[in-house]
Protein backbone atom coordinates (compact mmCIF):
# COMPACT_ATOMS: atom_id res chain seq x y z
CA MET A 1 -2.19 13.50 4.45
CA LYS A 2 -1.71 14.41 0.57
CA PRO A 3 1.82 15.52 -0.64
CA VAL A 4 2.62 19.30 0.19
CA LYS A 5 3.11 20.87 -3.39
CA ILE A 6 6.62 22.70 -2.66
CA ALA A 7 7.95 25.09 -5.60
CA ILE A 8 11.25 26.74 -5.98
CA CYS A 9 11.65 29.66 -8.53
CA ASP A 10 14.86 31.03 -9.14
CA ASP A 11 17.14 31.38 -12.34
CA GLU A 12 20.25 29.65 -10.63
CA GLU A 13 20.17 26.15 -11.44
CA ILE A 14 22.61 25.61 -8.67
CA LEU A 15 20.54 27.56 -6.06
CA ARG A 16 17.25 25.45 -7.29
CA LYS A 17 18.91 22.10 -6.96
CA THR A 18 20.56 23.24 -3.37
CA LEU A 19 17.17 24.30 -1.90
CA ARG A 20 15.41 21.15 -3.71
CA GLN A 21 17.66 18.82 -1.80
CA LYS A 22 17.43 20.67 1.67
CA ILE A 23 13.78 20.37 1.29
CA GLU A 24 13.59 17.03 0.26
CA THR A 25 15.83 15.73 2.67
CA HIS A 26 14.36 17.87 5.48
CA CYS A 27 10.42 16.57 4.53
CA LYS A 28 11.49 13.00 5.01
CA LYS A 29 13.19 13.22 8.11
CA MET A 30 9.63 14.90 9.45
CA GLY A 31 7.85 12.40 7.61
CA ILE A 32 6.18 14.80 5.50
CA PRO A 33 5.16 13.55 1.87
CA CYS A 34 6.03 16.42 -0.54
CA ARG A 35 6.53 16.99 -4.34
CA ILE A 36 8.83 19.88 -5.23
CA TYR A 37 8.91 21.66 -8.31
CA GLY A 38 11.63 23.83 -9.78
CA PHE A 39 11.34 26.62 -12.25
CA GLU A 40 13.67 28.99 -14.01
CA SER A 41 11.77 32.08 -14.34
CA GLY A 42 8.00 33.48 -12.79
CA ASP A 43 6.47 32.84 -16.99
CA LYS A 44 6.86 29.52 -16.42
CA LEU A 45 5.72 28.92 -12.65
CA LEU A 46 2.80 31.58 -13.58
CA ALA A 47 1.96 28.93 -16.62
CA LEU A 48 0.79 26.09 -14.59
CA PRO A 49 -2.83 24.96 -14.28
CA ASP A 50 -4.60 26.09 -11.22
CA GLU A 51 -4.79 22.85 -10.15
CA ASN A 52 -0.95 22.50 -9.86
CA THR A 53 -0.37 25.76 -7.93
CA PRO A 54 2.15 25.23 -5.18
CA ASP A 55 1.10 25.17 -1.52
CA ILE A 56 4.39 26.73 -0.73
CA LEU A 57 6.42 28.84 -2.99
CA PHE A 58 10.30 29.74 -2.41
CA LEU A 59 10.64 32.54 -4.72
CA ASP A 60 13.72 34.61 -6.06
CA ILE A 61 13.09 38.19 -6.24
CA GLN A 62 15.56 39.12 -8.76
CA MET A 63 15.46 36.96 -12.09
CA PRO A 64 15.63 38.26 -15.57
CA GLY A 65 12.45 38.69 -17.31
CA LYS A 66 9.62 39.04 -15.04
CA ASN A 67 11.18 39.49 -11.60
CA GLY A 68 9.49 37.92 -8.25
CA MET A 69 7.39 40.75 -7.43
CA ARG A 70 5.43 41.02 -10.39
CA THR A 71 4.97 37.04 -10.49
CA ALA A 72 3.97 37.14 -7.05
CA ARG A 73 1.12 40.10 -7.96
CA GLU A 74 -0.21 37.87 -10.71
CA LEU A 75 -0.26 34.83 -8.74
CA ARG A 76 -2.15 36.87 -5.80
CA SER A 77 -4.62 38.66 -8.62
CA LYS A 78 -5.47 34.88 -9.40
CA ASN A 79 -6.51 34.65 -6.01
CA HIS A 80 -3.68 31.68 -5.38
CA ASP A 81 -3.29 31.43 -1.73
CA VAL A 82 0.12 30.40 -2.03
CA ILE A 83 2.32 30.56 1.30
CA LEU A 84 4.84 32.38 -0.16
CA VAL A 85 8.12 32.72 1.29
CA PHE A 86 10.65 35.25 -0.37
CA VAL A 87 14.77 34.36 -1.17
CA THR A 88 16.70 37.30 -2.17
CA ALA A 89 19.73 39.10 -1.32
CA LEU A 90 17.83 42.27 -1.68
CA PRO A 91 16.40 43.31 1.50
CA GLU A 92 15.34 46.60 0.62
CA TYR A 93 12.34 45.19 -1.07
CA VAL A 94 10.74 44.41 2.72
CA TYR A 95 7.95 46.64 2.19
CA GLU A 96 6.77 45.52 -1.47
CA ALA A 97 7.16 41.64 0.27
CA PHE A 98 4.39 42.91 2.70
CA ASP A 99 2.09 44.14 -0.37
CA VAL A 100 1.57 40.57 -1.92
CA ASN A 101 1.44 38.80 1.99
CA ALA A 102 4.26 37.29 2.01
CA PHE A 103 4.46 34.66 4.56
CA HIS A 104 8.49 35.13 5.20
CA TYR A 105 11.71 36.97 3.80
CA LEU A 106 14.85 34.84 3.71
CA VAL A 107 18.04 37.13 3.00
CA LYS A 108 20.84 35.67 1.29
CA PRO A 109 23.09 33.86 2.54
CA PHE A 110 21.31 32.20 5.20
CA ASP A 111 22.12 29.18 6.94
CA ASP A 112 20.16 25.55 7.48
CA LYS A 113 18.80 26.38 10.64
CA LYS A 114 17.11 29.44 9.42
CA LEU A 115 15.88 27.58 5.94
CA TYR A 116 14.55 24.54 8.29
CA GLN A 117 12.46 27.18 10.57
CA VAL A 118 11.13 28.82 8.13
CA LEU A 119 10.18 25.99 6.63
CA ASP A 120 8.71 23.91 9.42
CA ASN A 121 6.71 27.30 10.03
CA ALA A 122 5.25 27.41 6.45
CA LEU A 123 4.48 23.05 6.66
CA ARG A 124 2.70 24.12 10.13
CA GLN A 125 0.91 26.64 8.76
CA TYR A 126 -0.53 24.43 5.58
CA ALA A 127 -1.34 21.69 8.14
CA GLU A 128 -3.82 23.94 9.53
CA ARG A 129 -5.36 25.04 6.77
CA ALA A 130 -5.77 21.30 5.15
CA ILE A 131 -7.30 20.29 8.50
CA SER A 132 -9.97 23.83 8.68
CA PRO A 133 -9.55 25.88 5.48
CA ALA A 134 -13.12 27.42 6.09
CA ALA A 135 -13.30 27.66 9.43
CA PRO A 136 -13.28 31.30 10.90
CA GLN A 137 -11.43 30.22 14.36
CA ASN A 138 -8.37 28.95 12.18
CA LYS A 139 -6.61 32.22 12.46
CA SER A 140 -3.09 32.40 10.37
CA ALA A 141 0.08 33.45 12.58
CA ASN A 142 -0.28 36.98 11.62
CA GLN A 143 -3.87 37.11 12.79
CA ILE A 144 -2.74 35.15 15.98
CA ALA A 145 0.29 37.95 16.37
CA ASN A 146 -1.82 40.57 15.52
CA ALA A 147 -4.45 39.80 18.29
CA GLU A 148 -1.46 39.47 20.70
CA SER A 149 0.09 42.76 19.36
CA GLN A 150 -3.36 44.46 20.10
CA ASN A 151 -3.41 42.66 23.80
CA SER A 152 -0.21 44.13 24.28
CA ARG A 153 -1.19 47.77 23.44
CA SER A 154 -4.23 47.37 25.55
CA ALA A 155 -1.74 46.75 28.69
CA PRO A 156 1.45 48.72 27.49
CA ARG A 157 4.61 47.20 29.39
CA ALA A 158 6.87 49.98 31.28
CA ILE A 159 10.56 49.81 32.74
CA LEU A 160 11.76 51.44 35.78
CA VAL A 161 14.65 53.88 35.48
CA LYS A 162 16.52 54.84 38.27
CA ARG A 163 18.19 58.25 38.32
CA GLY A 164 19.45 60.30 41.51
CA GLY A 165 17.61 58.39 44.10
CA LEU A 166 14.37 58.39 42.13
CA SER A 167 12.66 55.43 40.23
CA THR A 168 10.70 56.55 36.85
CA LYS A 169 8.27 54.32 34.82
CA VAL A 170 8.66 54.84 31.03
CA LEU A 171 6.10 53.54 29.10
CA LEU A 172 7.78 51.22 26.05
CA THR A 173 5.82 52.65 23.78
CA ASP A 174 6.98 56.10 24.22
CA ILE A 175 10.71 55.63 23.51
CA ILE A 176 11.84 55.89 20.10
CA TYR A 177 15.32 55.06 20.41
CA ALA A 178 18.07 54.20 22.91
CA GLU A 179 21.70 55.00 22.40
CA VAL A 180 24.74 54.43 24.69
CA PHE A 181 27.83 56.31 25.47
CA ASN A 182 30.22 56.66 28.80
CA ARG A 183 28.30 53.94 30.68
CA LYS A 184 25.22 56.25 29.98
CA ILE A 185 21.98 55.11 28.50
CA MET A 186 19.83 58.08 26.84
CA LEU A 187 15.95 57.14 26.36
CA HIS A 188 14.90 59.28 23.72
CA THR A 189 11.00 59.58 24.02
CA VAL A 190 8.06 61.22 22.81
CA ASN A 191 8.07 63.34 25.88
CA GLY A 192 11.65 64.20 25.78
CA ASP A 193 15.12 62.60 26.79
CA ILE A 194 15.89 60.50 29.88
CA GLU A 195 19.45 59.69 30.83
CA TYR A 196 20.62 57.10 33.11
CA TYR A 197 23.82 54.69 34.22
CA GLY A 198 22.92 51.46 32.43
CA LYS A 199 24.18 48.52 29.82
CA LEU A 200 22.34 48.16 26.39
CA THR A 201 22.43 44.57 26.37
CA ASP A 202 20.01 44.88 30.19
CA LEU A 203 17.90 47.27 27.85
CA CYS A 204 17.43 44.69 25.30
CA ALA A 205 16.62 42.13 27.23
CA GLN A 206 13.46 44.21 28.66
CA THR A 207 12.11 45.96 25.15
CA GLY A 208 11.06 42.69 23.27
CA ALA A 209 10.43 41.76 19.64
CA ASP A 210 9.11 45.51 18.92
CA PHE A 211 12.64 46.73 19.34
CA TYR A 212 15.98 46.07 17.24
CA ARG A 213 19.79 46.53 18.20
CA THR A 214 21.02 48.42 15.14
CA HIS A 215 24.25 48.95 16.16
CA ARG A 216 26.22 48.04 19.31
CA ALA A 217 25.08 51.56 20.89
CA TYR A 218 21.64 51.88 19.32
CA LEU A 219 18.32 50.16 20.11
CA VAL A 220 15.38 51.55 17.97
CA ASN A 221 11.43 51.11 18.59
CA LEU A 222 10.14 49.94 15.52
CA GLN A 223 7.34 51.56 15.52
CA TYR A 224 8.78 54.80 15.04
CA VAL A 225 11.06 53.75 11.54
CA GLU A 226 10.06 56.36 8.57
CA LYS A 227 12.92 55.10 6.14
CA TYR A 228 15.72 53.10 5.91
CA ASN A 229 18.64 52.24 3.95
CA ALA A 230 21.48 49.82 4.27
CA ASP A 231 23.52 52.19 6.75
CA THR A 232 21.04 54.60 8.19
CA ILE A 233 17.66 54.24 9.70
CA TRP A 234 15.45 57.40 9.78
CA LEU A 235 12.74 57.96 12.99
CA ASP A 236 10.56 60.53 14.26
CA ALA A 237 13.48 62.07 16.70
CA GLY A 238 16.19 61.78 13.93
CA ALA A 239 18.38 59.25 12.40
CA VAL A 240 20.62 56.31 13.51
CA PRO A 241 23.15 54.04 12.32
CA VAL A 242 22.64 50.44 11.03
CA SER A 243 25.66 48.45 10.83
CA LYS A 244 26.29 45.83 7.74
CA LYS A 245 26.32 43.17 10.33
CA GLN A 246 22.50 44.02 11.73
CA PHE A 247 20.97 45.11 8.57
CA ALA A 248 19.65 41.59 7.48
CA GLY A 249 18.36 40.93 11.19
CA PHE A 250 16.67 44.58 10.97
CA VAL A 251 15.04 44.09 7.65
CA ARG A 252 13.52 40.85 8.78
CA GLN A 253 12.18 41.59 12.51
CA TYR A 254 10.98 45.22 10.70
CA MET A 255 9.02 43.04 8.09
CA GLN A 256 7.47 40.91 11.14
CA TYR A 257 6.43 43.85 12.71
CA ILE A 258 4.65 45.14 9.77
CA SER A 259 3.02 42.26 9.07
CA ARG A 260 2.19 41.62 13.11
CA THR A 261 0.90 44.97 13.25
CA ASN A 262 -0.72 45.45 9.87
CA GLY A 263 1.23 48.41 8.94
CA ARG A 264 -0.04 50.37 11.49
CA GLY A 265 2.69 53.05 13.21
CA ALA A 266 3.58 54.66 16.06
CA ASP A 267 0.15 56.67 17.11
CA LYS A 268 1.05 60.02 16.64
């Protein structure tokens, strides 16, 4: 296997060195040969000859001069199929990251476990491309996830809600968001509100990756998200709070949802 070319583009020298050390150590442990380059600006990265374009790129967004988003767009305009991982403290760039087909979005600060998980997934995708770069059956992770998502939409899952001795089937795709108060859960659905006794933790376990718990008392269906900021998420049926602790996780999961569904929202 030829060495994997991995680039780190960040204006902070300490971060470049730290990332480089961690990536080198992990690749060596996994027995994967790699060549790692460091760049302090987008211009220096873009000045590389085409044959030296990295296979995997860890790219900061907030840099002086040409920022990470502009750099990514120029890379894509040259048809470079680099596996792009944004490393940033600015989770609000999630929509622009989707526009440049980012592979992942690491929000600072992140731990080694998360870094190695993303790196392993990027290396796996690189290996798949290297084995069969032109084969149509060799689908990307996003294509596979999208196909799975389409299959799941063709056979919608549902939950059973028990109230007053009756059990009511509620399709997950009909739930906009849920909130809990006084030991009761209120489901806000496209067909109206449904109230029953239950625990939000149990509901979270039933709903899966298309839902996210933004706050101890709220669970949102990502397909109905219209916009958000650091403390509020706006949905079709109103707004819900997002806690400071949960915000970075919400952005990551929402980006994964957008990639998995190609940006499609709820069927309205």
